[in-house]
Amino acid sequence: MPKRVFVSFDYDYDKTLKNFLVGQAKNPDSPFEIHDWSIKEASPDWEDKARSRIRASDIVIAICGEHTDKAIGVGIELAIAQEEKIDYFLLNGYNGQTGKKPTTAKATDKVYDWTWKNLKLLVGGAR
């Protein structure tokens, strides 16, 4: 059964990357599925909505781009995953440069290269 994935990303800069990941989830050999759980509008209860969606997931993928270290929402979503003990990993959004970690990432969290082979291994727990 495919793993349910929550994608955390910088909405202002990396929405296209999230769409690429959604496309990869549709591959016939994909070990994961993504429901579009993005919270598109800020609201007083967005953190509660995010927590509920993260709890319903098997894994959180945080896409790391050039501005992720300044994306407050990504930091909060990653902290929620840590608090809820939901498995997660950081995925480098762009080849040729290292994506910046969310502020709540642990020093030991690695930013992994985004290849289809790596993605399948990472979702399977190879970290």
N, C-alpha and C. Protein backbone atom coordinates (compact mmCIF):
# COMPACT_ATOMS: atom_id res chain seq x y z
N MET A 1 0.86 -1.18 0.00
CA MET A 1 0.00 0.00 0.00
C MET A 1 0.90 1.24 0.00
N PRO A 2 0.63 2.20 -0.87
CA PRO A 2 1.45 3.41 -0.92
C PRO A 2 1.37 4.21 0.37
N LYS A 3 2.47 4.85 0.72
CA LYS A 3 2.51 5.70 1.91
C LYS A 3 1.84 7.04 1.60
N ARG A 4 1.12 7.55 2.58
CA ARG A 4 0.48 8.86 2.45
C ARG A 4 1.50 9.93 2.82
N VAL A 5 1.71 10.87 1.92
CA VAL A 5 2.74 11.89 2.10
C VAL A 5 2.11 13.27 2.26
N PHE A 6 2.60 14.00 3.25
CA PHE A 6 2.30 15.42 3.40
C PHE A 6 3.52 16.17 2.88
N VAL A 7 3.32 17.11 1.97
CA VAL A 7 4.42 17.88 1.40
C VAL A 7 4.44 19.26 2.02
N SER A 8 5.58 19.60 2.60
CA SER A 8 5.79 20.94 3.16
C SER A 8 6.73 21.68 2.21
N PHE A 9 6.36 22.89 1.84
CA PHE A 9 7.14 23.65 0.86
C PHE A 9 6.86 25.13 1.02
N ASP A 10 7.76 25.92 0.50
CA ASP A 10 7.63 27.37 0.52
C ASP A 10 6.63 27.76 -0.57
N TYR A 11 5.43 28.14 -0.14
CA TYR A 11 4.35 28.43 -1.09
C TYR A 11 4.70 29.57 -2.05
N ASP A 12 5.47 30.53 -1.59
CA ASP A 12 5.80 31.69 -2.42
C ASP A 12 6.82 31.36 -3.51
N TYR A 13 7.71 30.42 -3.26
CA TYR A 13 8.81 30.17 -4.19
C TYR A 13 8.85 28.76 -4.79
N ASP A 14 8.28 27.78 -4.12
CA ASP A 14 8.50 26.39 -4.53
C ASP A 14 7.23 25.62 -4.86
N LYS A 15 6.16 26.33 -5.19
CA LYS A 15 4.90 25.65 -5.54
C LYS A 15 5.08 24.73 -6.74
N THR A 16 5.86 25.13 -7.72
CA THR A 16 6.09 24.29 -8.90
C THR A 16 6.77 22.99 -8.51
N LEU A 17 7.70 23.05 -7.56
CA LEU A 17 8.37 21.84 -7.11
C LEU A 17 7.37 20.87 -6.47
N LYS A 18 6.46 21.41 -5.69
CA LYS A 18 5.42 20.56 -5.09
C LYS A 18 4.60 19.89 -6.18
N ASN A 19 4.28 20.64 -7.24
CA ASN A 19 3.53 20.06 -8.35
C ASN A 19 4.31 18.96 -9.05
N PHE A 20 5.63 19.11 -9.17
CA PHE A 20 6.46 18.05 -9.74
C PHE A 20 6.38 16.79 -8.89
N LEU A 21 6.41 16.96 -7.58
CA LEU A 21 6.34 15.82 -6.67
C LEU A 21 4.98 15.13 -6.77
N VAL A 22 3.93 15.91 -6.87
CA VAL A 22 2.59 15.35 -7.06
C VAL A 22 2.55 14.53 -8.36
N GLY A 23 3.19 15.04 -9.40
CA GLY A 23 3.25 14.30 -10.66
C GLY A 23 3.99 12.98 -10.51
N GLN A 24 5.10 12.99 -9.77
CA GLN A 24 5.85 11.75 -9.57
C GLN A 24 5.04 10.73 -8.78
N ALA A 25 4.20 11.19 -7.89
CA ALA A 25 3.36 10.28 -7.11
C ALA A 25 2.40 9.50 -8.00
N LYS A 26 2.16 10.00 -9.20
CA LYS A 26 1.23 9.34 -10.13
C LYS A 26 1.92 8.28 -10.99
N ASN A 27 3.25 8.16 -10.87
CA ASN A 27 3.96 7.12 -11.62
C ASN A 27 3.45 5.75 -11.20
N PRO A 28 3.39 4.81 -12.14
CA PRO A 28 2.84 3.49 -11.80
C PRO A 28 3.64 2.76 -10.71
N ASP A 29 4.93 3.05 -10.59
CA ASP A 29 5.75 2.37 -9.58
C ASP A 29 5.97 3.23 -8.33
N SER A 30 5.13 4.24 -8.14
CA SER A 30 5.29 5.13 -7.00
C SER A 30 4.92 4.42 -5.69
N PRO A 31 5.80 4.54 -4.68
CA PRO A 31 5.48 3.94 -3.38
C PRO A 31 4.74 4.91 -2.45
N PHE A 32 4.28 6.03 -3.00
CA PHE A 32 3.60 7.02 -2.16
C PHE A 32 2.49 7.70 -2.93
N GLU A 33 1.58 8.30 -2.16
CA GLU A 33 0.49 9.08 -2.73
C GLU A 33 0.41 10.41 -2.00
N ILE A 34 0.02 11.42 -2.74
CA ILE A 34 -0.09 12.76 -2.17
C ILE A 34 -1.51 13.26 -2.39
N HIS A 35 -2.12 13.68 -1.32
CA HIS A 35 -3.40 14.38 -1.42
C HIS A 35 -3.05 15.85 -1.33
N ASP A 36 -3.70 16.67 -2.10
CA ASP A 36 -3.38 18.09 -2.08
C ASP A 36 -3.93 18.70 -0.81
N TRP A 37 -3.12 18.63 0.24
CA TRP A 37 -3.50 19.12 1.54
C TRP A 37 -2.92 20.49 1.82
N SER A 38 -2.42 21.15 0.81
CA SER A 38 -1.83 22.47 1.01
C SER A 38 -2.89 23.42 1.58
N ILE A 39 -2.46 24.19 2.54
CA ILE A 39 -3.34 25.19 3.13
C ILE A 39 -3.08 26.48 2.36
N LYS A 40 -4.01 26.82 1.49
CA LYS A 40 -3.77 27.87 0.52
C LYS A 40 -3.97 29.29 1.06
N GLU A 41 -4.75 29.41 2.12
CA GLU A 41 -5.00 30.73 2.68
C GLU A 41 -4.71 30.72 4.17
N ALA A 42 -4.04 31.75 4.61
CA ALA A 42 -3.75 31.87 6.04
C ALA A 42 -5.06 32.07 6.80
N SER A 43 -5.15 31.39 7.90
CA SER A 43 -6.32 31.54 8.76
C SER A 43 -5.85 31.33 10.20
N PRO A 44 -6.63 31.78 11.16
CA PRO A 44 -6.21 31.63 12.55
C PRO A 44 -5.99 30.17 12.96
N ASP A 45 -6.67 29.25 12.29
CA ASP A 45 -6.55 27.84 12.67
C ASP A 45 -5.72 27.01 11.70
N TRP A 46 -4.86 27.66 10.88
CA TRP A 46 -4.11 26.89 9.88
C TRP A 46 -3.18 25.87 10.52
N GLU A 47 -2.61 26.19 11.69
CA GLU A 47 -1.72 25.23 12.34
C GLU A 47 -2.48 23.98 12.79
N ASP A 48 -3.71 24.16 13.27
CA ASP A 48 -4.53 23.02 13.65
C ASP A 48 -4.86 22.16 12.43
N LYS A 49 -5.18 22.82 11.32
CA LYS A 49 -5.46 22.09 10.07
C LYS A 49 -4.21 21.33 9.62
N ALA A 50 -3.06 21.98 9.68
CA ALA A 50 -1.81 21.33 9.28
C ALA A 50 -1.54 20.13 10.18
N ARG A 51 -1.71 20.29 11.47
CA ARG A 51 -1.47 19.19 12.41
C ARG A 51 -2.36 17.99 12.09
N SER A 52 -3.62 18.26 11.83
CA SER A 52 -4.56 17.19 11.49
C SER A 52 -4.11 16.45 10.22
N ARG A 53 -3.68 17.19 9.23
CA ARG A 53 -3.26 16.59 7.96
C ARG A 53 -1.94 15.84 8.10
N ILE A 54 -1.05 16.38 8.91
CA ILE A 54 0.23 15.70 9.14
C ILE A 54 -0.01 14.40 9.91
N ARG A 55 -0.89 14.43 10.90
CA ARG A 55 -1.22 13.21 11.65
C ARG A 55 -1.80 12.12 10.75
N ALA A 56 -2.51 12.53 9.70
CA ALA A 56 -3.13 11.57 8.79
C ALA A 56 -2.13 11.03 7.76
N SER A 57 -0.89 11.46 7.85
CA SER A 57 0.14 11.06 6.88
C SER A 57 1.09 10.05 7.50
N ASP A 58 1.74 9.30 6.62
CA ASP A 58 2.77 8.36 7.05
C ASP A 58 4.13 9.02 7.09
N ILE A 59 4.30 10.04 6.26
CA ILE A 59 5.61 10.67 6.13
C ILE A 59 5.42 12.12 5.66
N VAL A 60 6.34 12.99 6.07
CA VAL A 60 6.36 14.38 5.61
C VAL A 60 7.61 14.58 4.78
N ILE A 61 7.43 15.14 3.61
CA ILE A 61 8.57 15.52 2.77
C ILE A 61 8.63 17.04 2.78
N ALA A 62 9.75 17.58 3.25
CA ALA A 62 9.96 19.03 3.23
C ALA A 62 10.87 19.34 2.05
N ILE A 63 10.32 20.05 1.08
CA ILE A 63 11.10 20.45 -0.09
C ILE A 63 11.94 21.67 0.30
N CYS A 64 13.24 21.56 0.09
CA CYS A 64 14.17 22.63 0.48
C CYS A 64 14.63 23.41 -0.74
N GLY A 65 14.27 24.67 -0.77
CA GLY A 65 14.68 25.55 -1.85
C GLY A 65 15.54 26.68 -1.32
N GLU A 66 15.71 27.68 -2.14
CA GLU A 66 16.60 28.80 -1.82
C GLU A 66 16.14 29.63 -0.61
N HIS A 67 14.83 29.65 -0.36
CA HIS A 67 14.28 30.50 0.70
C HIS A 67 13.61 29.73 1.83
N THR A 68 13.78 28.42 1.85
CA THR A 68 13.07 27.60 2.84
C THR A 68 13.43 27.98 4.27
N ASP A 69 14.63 28.43 4.49
CA ASP A 69 15.03 28.83 5.84
C ASP A 69 14.28 30.05 6.34
N LYS A 70 13.61 30.75 5.45
CA LYS A 70 12.82 31.93 5.82
C LYS A 70 11.31 31.66 5.77
N ALA A 71 10.95 30.45 5.35
CA ALA A 71 9.53 30.09 5.22
C ALA A 71 9.01 29.61 6.58
N ILE A 72 8.35 30.50 7.28
CA ILE A 72 7.88 30.22 8.63
C ILE A 72 6.95 29.01 8.67
N GLY A 73 6.06 28.90 7.69
CA GLY A 73 5.11 27.79 7.67
C GLY A 73 5.80 26.44 7.54
N VAL A 74 6.84 26.36 6.73
CA VAL A 74 7.57 25.10 6.58
C VAL A 74 8.21 24.71 7.91
N GLY A 75 8.79 25.69 8.59
CA GLY A 75 9.38 25.42 9.90
C GLY A 75 8.35 24.90 10.89
N ILE A 76 7.18 25.50 10.89
CA ILE A 76 6.11 25.07 11.80
C ILE A 76 5.63 23.67 11.44
N GLU A 77 5.44 23.40 10.15
CA GLU A 77 4.97 22.07 9.74
C GLU A 77 6.00 20.99 10.10
N LEU A 78 7.28 21.28 9.93
CA LEU A 78 8.30 20.31 10.30
C LEU A 78 8.31 20.09 11.82
N ALA A 79 8.14 21.15 12.59
CA ALA A 79 8.07 21.01 14.04
C ALA A 79 6.87 20.16 14.44
N ILE A 80 5.75 20.34 13.76
CA ILE A 80 4.57 19.52 14.04
C ILE A 80 4.88 18.05 13.77
N ALA A 81 5.52 17.77 12.64
CA ALA A 81 5.88 16.38 12.31
C ALA A 81 6.76 15.79 13.41
N GLN A 82 7.72 16.58 13.89
CA GLN A 82 8.60 16.11 14.97
C GLN A 82 7.80 15.86 16.25
N GLU A 83 6.92 16.78 16.61
CA GLU A 83 6.11 16.63 17.82
C GLU A 83 5.20 15.41 17.74
N GLU A 84 4.64 15.18 16.56
CA GLU A 84 3.71 14.06 16.36
C GLU A 84 4.42 12.75 16.05
N LYS A 85 5.75 12.80 15.99
CA LYS A 85 6.58 11.63 15.69
C LYS A 85 6.24 11.01 14.33
N ILE A 86 6.00 11.88 13.36
CA ILE A 86 5.76 11.46 11.98
C ILE A 86 7.10 11.47 11.26
N ASP A 87 7.40 10.40 10.58
CA ASP A 87 8.64 10.28 9.84
C ASP A 87 8.72 11.41 8.81
N TYR A 88 9.92 11.93 8.57
CA TYR A 88 10.08 13.01 7.60
C TYR A 88 11.48 12.95 7.01
N PHE A 89 11.64 13.63 5.88
CA PHE A 89 12.97 13.88 5.34
C PHE A 89 12.95 15.16 4.54
N LEU A 90 14.15 15.71 4.31
CA LEU A 90 14.33 16.96 3.57
C LEU A 90 14.81 16.63 2.18
N LEU A 91 14.16 17.21 1.18
CA LEU A 91 14.45 16.93 -0.22
C LEU A 91 14.96 18.18 -0.91
N ASN A 92 16.13 18.09 -1.51
CA ASN A 92 16.72 19.23 -2.21
C ASN A 92 15.87 19.57 -3.44
N GLY A 93 15.41 20.80 -3.51
CA GLY A 93 14.51 21.19 -4.58
C GLY A 93 15.18 21.46 -5.91
N TYR A 94 16.45 21.83 -5.91
CA TYR A 94 17.10 22.25 -7.15
C TYR A 94 18.45 21.58 -7.30
N ASN A 95 18.69 21.00 -8.47
CA ASN A 95 20.01 20.42 -8.77
C ASN A 95 21.04 21.53 -8.84
N GLY A 96 22.24 21.23 -8.40
CA GLY A 96 23.33 22.18 -8.52
C GLY A 96 23.44 23.16 -7.38
N GLN A 97 22.49 23.16 -6.48
CA GLN A 97 22.59 24.01 -5.29
C GLN A 97 21.93 23.27 -4.13
N THR A 98 22.37 23.54 -2.95
CA THR A 98 21.80 22.88 -1.79
C THR A 98 20.66 23.73 -1.25
N GLY A 99 19.48 23.11 -1.15
CA GLY A 99 18.34 23.80 -0.58
C GLY A 99 18.59 24.10 0.89
N LYS A 100 18.03 25.18 1.34
CA LYS A 100 18.21 25.60 2.73
C LYS A 100 17.21 24.85 3.62
N LYS A 101 17.71 24.41 4.76
CA LYS A 101 16.87 23.67 5.70
C LYS A 101 15.86 24.59 6.38
N PRO A 102 14.70 24.04 6.72
CA PRO A 102 13.77 24.81 7.56
C PRO A 102 14.43 25.10 8.91
N THR A 103 14.00 26.15 9.57
CA THR A 103 14.61 26.56 10.83
C THR A 103 14.47 25.49 11.92
N THR A 104 13.48 24.65 11.83
CA THR A 104 13.25 23.63 12.86
C THR A 104 13.90 22.29 12.53
N ALA A 105 14.63 22.22 11.42
CA ALA A 105 15.34 20.98 11.10
C ALA A 105 16.44 20.75 12.13
N LYS A 106 16.70 19.50 12.39
CA LYS A 106 17.78 19.15 13.32
C LYS A 106 19.11 19.28 12.59
N ALA A 107 20.16 19.51 13.34
CA ALA A 107 21.50 19.62 12.75
C ALA A 107 21.88 18.33 12.01
N THR A 108 21.35 17.22 12.47
CA THR A 108 21.67 15.93 11.86
C THR A 108 20.81 15.60 10.64
N ASP A 109 19.78 16.41 10.37
CA ASP A 109 18.92 16.17 9.19
C ASP A 109 19.70 16.47 7.92
N LYS A 110 19.73 15.52 7.04
CA LYS A 110 20.42 15.66 5.76
C LYS A 110 19.42 16.14 4.71
N VAL A 111 19.90 16.95 3.76
CA VAL A 111 19.09 17.35 2.61
C VAL A 111 19.46 16.40 1.47
N TYR A 112 18.51 15.58 1.05
CA TYR A 112 18.77 14.53 0.07
C TYR A 112 18.55 15.02 -1.36
N ASP A 113 19.34 14.49 -2.27
CA ASP A 113 19.17 14.79 -3.69
C ASP A 113 17.84 14.24 -4.18
N TRP A 114 17.19 15.00 -5.04
CA TRP A 114 15.89 14.62 -5.58
C TRP A 114 16.10 13.92 -6.91
N THR A 115 16.12 12.61 -6.85
CA THR A 115 16.08 11.77 -8.05
C THR A 115 14.95 10.77 -7.81
N TRP A 116 14.43 10.20 -8.86
CA TRP A 116 13.34 9.25 -8.70
C TRP A 116 13.80 8.04 -7.88
N LYS A 117 15.00 7.56 -8.16
CA LYS A 117 15.53 6.42 -7.40
C LYS A 117 15.66 6.78 -5.92
N ASN A 118 16.26 7.92 -5.61
CA ASN A 118 16.40 8.36 -4.22
C ASN A 118 15.05 8.53 -3.55
N LEU A 119 14.13 9.14 -4.25
CA LEU A 119 12.81 9.40 -3.67
C LEU A 119 12.15 8.10 -3.25
N LYS A 120 12.19 7.11 -4.11
CA LYS A 120 11.58 5.81 -3.77
C LYS A 120 12.28 5.18 -2.56
N LEU A 121 13.59 5.27 -2.52
CA LEU A 121 14.35 4.72 -1.39
C LEU A 121 14.03 5.47 -0.09
N LEU A 122 13.99 6.80 -0.17
CA LEU A 122 13.73 7.62 1.02
C LEU A 122 12.33 7.36 1.58
N VAL A 123 11.36 7.29 0.71
CA VAL A 123 9.99 7.00 1.16
C VAL A 123 9.93 5.61 1.80
N GLY A 124 10.75 4.70 1.29
CA GLY A 124 10.82 3.36 1.86
C GLY A 124 11.59 3.27 3.16
N GLY A 125 12.20 4.38 3.60
CA GLY A 125 12.87 4.41 4.89
C GLY A 125 14.39 4.39 4.82
N ALA A 126 14.97 4.40 3.64
CA ALA A 126 16.44 4.36 3.50
C ALA A 126 17.03 5.74 3.81
N ARG A 127 17.29 5.98 5.09
CA ARG A 127 17.90 7.23 5.51
C ARG A 127 18.88 6.96 6.62
